[in-house]
C-alpha atoms as a PDB file:
ATOM      1  CA  MET A   1       8.478-200.885  50.272  1.00  0.00           C
ATOM      2  CA  PHE A   2       5.121-201.027  52.177  1.00  0.00           C
ATOM      3  CA  VAL A   3       2.886-203.533  51.364  1.00  0.00           C
ATOM      4  CA  LYS A   4      -0.878-203.406  52.194  1.00  0.00           C
ATOM      5  CA  GLN A   5      -2.503-206.078  54.756  1.00  0.00           C
ATOM      6  CA  ILE A   6      -6.382-206.230  54.674  1.00  0.00           C
ATOM      7  CA  SER A   7      -7.844-206.713  58.608  1.00  0.00           C
ATOM      8  CA  VAL A   8     -10.891-207.526  58.817  1.00  0.00           C
ATOM      9  CA  PHE A   9     -13.105-208.494  61.817  1.00  0.00           C
ATOM     10  CA  ILE A  10     -14.864-211.932  61.878  1.00  0.00           C
ATOM     11  CA  GLU A  11     -17.115-213.700  64.553  1.00  0.00           C
ATOM     12  CA  ASN A  12     -15.393-216.263  66.355  1.00  0.00           C
ATOM     13  CA  THR A  13     -18.086-219.307  65.575  1.00  0.00           C
ATOM     14  CA  LYS A  14     -17.618-222.429  63.672  1.00  0.00           C
ATOM     15  CA  GLY A  15     -17.491-222.345  59.695  1.00  0.00           C
ATOM     16  CA  SER A  16     -17.118-218.161  59.976  1.00  0.00           C
ATOM     17  CA  LEU A  17     -13.380-218.661  58.511  1.00  0.00           C
ATOM     18  CA  SER A  18     -14.261-220.919  55.881  1.00  0.00           C
ATOM     19  CA  ARG A  19     -17.336-218.374  54.865  1.00  0.00           C
ATOM     20  CA  LEU A  20     -14.850-215.557  54.362  1.00  0.00           C
ATOM     21  CA  THR A  21     -12.096-217.666  52.830  1.00  0.00           C
ATOM     22  CA  ARG A  22     -14.577-219.024  50.287  1.00  0.00           C
ATOM     23  CA  LEU A  23     -15.985-215.456  49.547  1.00  0.00           C
ATOM     24  CA  LEU A  24     -12.410-214.456  48.451  1.00  0.00           C
ATOM     25  CA  SER A  25     -11.971-218.148  46.245  1.00  0.00           C
ATOM     26  CA  LYS A  26     -15.263-216.417  44.700  1.00  0.00           C
ATOM     27  CA  GLY A  27     -13.989-213.535  44.211  1.00  0.00           C
ATOM     28  CA  GLY A  28     -10.700-214.784  42.594  1.00  0.00           C
ATOM     29  CA  VAL A  29      -8.779-213.493  45.382  1.00  0.00           C
ATOM     30  CA  ASP A  30      -5.922-215.619  46.294  1.00  0.00           C
ATOM     31  CA  LEU A  31      -4.453-215.262  50.025  1.00  0.00           C
ATOM     32  CA  ILE A  32      -1.225-214.704  50.075  1.00  0.00           C
ATOM     33  CA  ALA A  33      -0.299-214.609  53.984  1.00  0.00           C
ATOM     34  CA  LEU A  34      -2.582-215.138  56.537  1.00  0.00           C
ATOM     35  CA  THR A  35      -2.917-215.084  60.468  1.00  0.00           C
ATOM     36  CA  VAL A  36      -6.022-214.951  62.991  1.00  0.00           C
ATOM     37  CA  ALA A  37      -5.888-213.654  66.233  1.00  0.00           C
ATOM     38  CA  ASP A  38      -9.053-214.609  68.440  1.00  0.00           C
ATOM     39  CA  THR A  39     -11.115-213.760  71.501  1.00  0.00           C
ATOM     40  CA  GLU A  40     -14.245-215.476  73.182  1.00  0.00           C
ATOM     41  CA  ASN A  41     -16.601-213.775  70.864  1.00  0.00           C
ATOM     42  CA  TYR A  42     -14.362-212.465  67.846  1.00  0.00           C
ATOM     43  CA  GLY A  43     -11.577-212.618  65.666  1.00  0.00           C
ATOM     44  CA  ILE A  44      -9.139-210.427  63.765  1.00  0.00           C
ATOM     45  CA  MET A  45      -7.788-211.997  60.549  1.00  0.00           C
ATOM     46  CA  ARG A  46      -4.854-210.530  58.892  1.00  0.00           C
ATOM     47  CA  CYS A  47      -3.936-211.157  55.712  1.00  0.00           C
ATOM     48  CA  ILE A  48      -2.148-210.570  52.528  1.00  0.00           C
ATOM     49  CA  VAL A  49      -3.941-211.113  49.296  1.00  0.00           C
ATOM     50  CA  SER A  50      -3.443-210.795  45.357  1.00  0.00           C
ATOM     51  CA  ASP A  51      -5.684-207.812  44.909  1.00  0.00           C
ATOM     52  CA  THR A  52      -6.304-205.646  48.097  1.00  0.00           C
ATOM     53  CA  GLU A  53      -8.684-203.632  46.362  1.00  0.00           C
ATOM     54  CA  ALA A  54     -11.104-206.641  45.058  1.00  0.00           C
ATOM     55  CA  GLY A  55     -10.303-207.891  48.527  1.00  0.00           C
ATOM     56  CA  VAL A  56     -11.308-205.117  50.594  1.00  0.00           C
ATOM     57  CA  GLN A  57     -14.778-204.732  48.471  1.00  0.00           C
ATOM     58  CA  ILE A  58     -15.678-208.231  48.739  1.00  0.00           C
ATOM     59  CA  MET A  59     -15.456-208.062  52.296  1.00  0.00           C
ATOM     60  CA  ARG A  60     -17.536-205.108  52.367  1.00  0.00           C
ATOM     61  CA  GLU A  61     -20.215-205.924  50.276  1.00  0.00           C
ATOM     62  CA  ALA A  62     -20.454-209.201  52.355  1.00  0.00           C
ATOM     63  CA  GLY A  63     -21.091-207.130  55.402  1.00  0.00           C
ATOM     64  CA  TYR A  64     -17.293-207.539  57.041  1.00  0.00           C
ATOM     65  CA  VAL A  65     -15.704-204.670  58.590  1.00  0.00           C
ATOM     66  CA  ALA A  66     -12.306-204.790  56.525  1.00  0.00           C
ATOM     67  CA  ARG A  67      -9.393-201.857  56.513  1.00  0.00           C
ATOM     68  CA  THR A  68      -6.080-201.808  55.193  1.00  0.00           C
ATOM     69  CA  THR A  69      -2.997-201.119  56.858  1.00  0.00           C
ATOM     70  CA  ASP A  70       0.619-200.355  55.649  1.00  0.00           C
ATOM     71  CA  VAL A  71       3.226-203.670  57.085  1.00  0.00           C
ATOM     72  CA  LEU A  72       6.199-204.463  55.986  1.00  0.00           C
ATOM     73  CA  ALA A  73       7.705-207.698  53.778  1.00  0.00           C
ATOM     74  CA  VAL A  74      10.949-208.674  55.765  1.00  0.00           C
ATOM     75  CA  SER A  75      12.978-211.307  54.197  1.00  0.00           C
ATOM     76  CA  VAL A  76      15.137-212.895  56.722  1.00  0.00           C
ATOM     77  CA  PRO A  77      17.665-215.646  56.684  1.00  0.00           C
ATOM     78  CA  ASP A  78      16.303-219.363  57.687  1.00  0.00           C
ATOM     79  CA  GLU A  79      18.968-219.927  59.687  1.00  0.00           C
ATOM     80  CA  PRO A  80      19.004-219.551  64.376  1.00  0.00           C
ATOM     81  CA  GLY A  81      19.362-216.122  64.898  1.00  0.00           C
ATOM     82  CA  GLY A  82      18.005-214.962  61.495  1.00  0.00           C
ATOM     83  CA  LEU A  83      15.107-213.441  62.918  1.00  0.00           C
ATOM     84  CA  ALA A  84      16.871-212.299  66.352  1.00  0.00           C
ATOM     85  CA  ASN A  85      19.164-210.207  63.868  1.00  0.00           C
ATOM     86  CA  VAL A  86      16.404-208.452  62.384  1.00  0.00           C
ATOM     87  CA  LEU A  87      14.772-207.871  65.922  1.00  0.00           C
ATOM     88  CA  THR A  88      17.749-206.596  67.584  1.00  0.00           C
ATOM     89  CA  LEU A  89      18.128-203.773  64.886  1.00  0.00           C
ATOM     90  CA  LEU A  90      14.910-202.226  65.292  1.00  0.00           C
ATOM     91  CA  ASN A  91      15.377-202.420  69.169  1.00  0.00           C
ATOM     92  CA  ALA A  92      18.457-200.795  68.823  1.00  0.00           C
ATOM     93  CA  ALA A  93      16.775-198.113  66.734  1.00  0.00           C
ATOM     94  CA  ASP A  94      13.549-197.864  69.813  1.00  0.00           C
ATOM     95  CA  VAL A  95      11.523-199.079  66.870  1.00  0.00           C
ATOM     96  CA  SER A  96       8.620-201.542  68.329  1.00  0.00           C
ATOM     97  CA  VAL A  97       6.784-204.556  66.786  1.00  0.00           C
ATOM     98  CA  GLU A  98       3.403-204.209  67.406  1.00  0.00           C
ATOM     99  CA  TYR A  99       2.653-207.643  65.996  1.00  0.00           C
ATOM    100  CA  LEU A 100       4.362-210.383  63.155  1.00  0.00           C
ATOM    101  CA  TYR A 101       3.784-213.083  61.361  1.00  0.00           C
ATOM    102  CA  SER A 102       5.784-215.488  58.865  1.00  0.00           C
ATOM    103  CA  PHE A 103       4.551-217.203  55.470  1.00  0.00           C
ATOM    104  CA  VAL A 104       6.290-219.253  53.006  1.00  0.00           C
ATOM    105  CA  ARG A 105       5.863-218.991  49.227  1.00  0.00           C
ATOM    106  CA  ASN A 106       8.499-220.564  47.077  1.00  0.00           C
ATOM    107  CA  THR A 107      11.254-218.328  49.368  1.00  0.00           C
ATOM    108  CA  GLY A 108      14.576-220.373  48.936  1.00  0.00           C
ATOM    109  CA  THR A 109      16.640-220.144  51.866  1.00  0.00           C
ATOM    110  CA  ASN A 110      14.974-216.965  53.400  1.00  0.00           C
ATOM    111  CA  ALA A 111      12.136-216.750  55.751  1.00  0.00           C
ATOM    112  CA  LEU A 112       9.419-213.684  54.879  1.00  0.00           C
ATOM    113  CA  VAL A 113       8.099-212.205  58.162  1.00  0.00           C
ATOM    114  CA  ILE A 114       5.379-209.584  57.923  1.00  0.00           C
ATOM    115  CA  PHE A 115       5.457-206.774  60.397  1.00  0.00           C
ATOM    116  CA  ARG A 116       3.792-203.873  61.809  1.00  0.00           C
ATOM    117  CA  LEU A 117       6.157-201.537  63.489  1.00  0.00           C
ATOM    118  CA  ASN A 118       4.767-198.751  65.905  1.00  0.00           C
ATOM    119  CA  ASP A 119       6.982-196.160  63.509  1.00  0.00           C
ATOM    120  CA  ASN A 120       6.925-198.349  60.029  1.00  0.00           C
ATOM    121  CA  GLN A 121       8.913-195.457  58.129  1.00  0.00           C
ATOM    122  CA  LYS A 122      12.038-195.559  60.781  1.00  0.00           C
ATOM    123  CA  GLY A 123      11.379-199.555  60.728  1.00  0.00           C
ATOM    124  CA  ALA A 124      11.894-200.025  56.975  1.00  0.00           C
ATOM    125  CA  ARG A 125      15.314-197.473  56.964  1.00  0.00           C
ATOM    126  CA  VAL A 126      16.762-199.171  59.777  1.00  0.00           C
ATOM    127  CA  LEU A 127      16.110-202.894  58.381  1.00  0.00           C
ATOM    128  CA  GLN A 128      17.269-201.082  54.838  1.00  0.00           C
ATOM    129  CA  GLU A 129      20.459-199.685  56.362  1.00  0.00           C
ATOM    130  CA  GLY A 130      21.388-203.322  58.244  1.00  0.00           C
ATOM    131  CA  ASP A 131      21.061-204.960  54.462  1.00  0.00           C
ATOM    132  CA  ILE A 132      17.713-206.221  55.345  1.00  0.00           C
ATOM    133  CA  THR A 133      16.002-207.197  52.259  1.00  0.00           C
ATOM    134  CA  LEU A 134      12.276-205.472  51.722  1.00  0.00           C
ATOM    135  CA  LEU A 135       9.998-206.588  49.730  1.00  0.00           C
ATOM    136  CA  THR A 136       7.597-204.696  47.621  1.00  0.00           C
ATOM    137  CA  GLN A 137       3.346-205.498  47.017  1.00  0.00           C
ATOM    138  CA  GLU A 138       4.044-206.632  43.850  1.00  0.00           C
ATOM    139  CA  GLU A 139       7.246-209.169  44.883  1.00  0.00           C
ATOM    140  CA  VAL A 140       5.057-210.721  47.428  1.00  0.00           C
ATOM    141  CA  ARG A 141       2.403-211.456  44.989  1.00  0.00           C
ATOM    142  CA  SER A 142       5.030-212.737  42.362  1.00  0.00           C
ATOM    143  CA  LEU A 143       5.856-215.204  45.154  1.00  0.00           C
END
């Protein structure tokens, strides 16, 4: 039910994201979902990849600080109010969203959103009880 996300610190300098993504490419690791948050001096790239273990190994061997985190991959109706309905369920259960980002890969009529919650277990249960589809690691990799 949970998906492994890699978080890696990168310098906020010209070409640093290009170098990191090139390393993954050379290692045969495909980026499935990606977001980058930045500050003046550094950024945090959060990503879902085709092979989490290989991705982390490649990053660490190149000197990057990388770690994995459990997140939820949620299929949300791609229509007005689709995300709002999911957020309402979480809010009503007192589950906070720490961050989220969306991605698209051959999904048909739904948007796919990655959620990091303050309580992933409770959030997953609430969403499932609300008939919200959660994707597994394998389902995300196969998109």
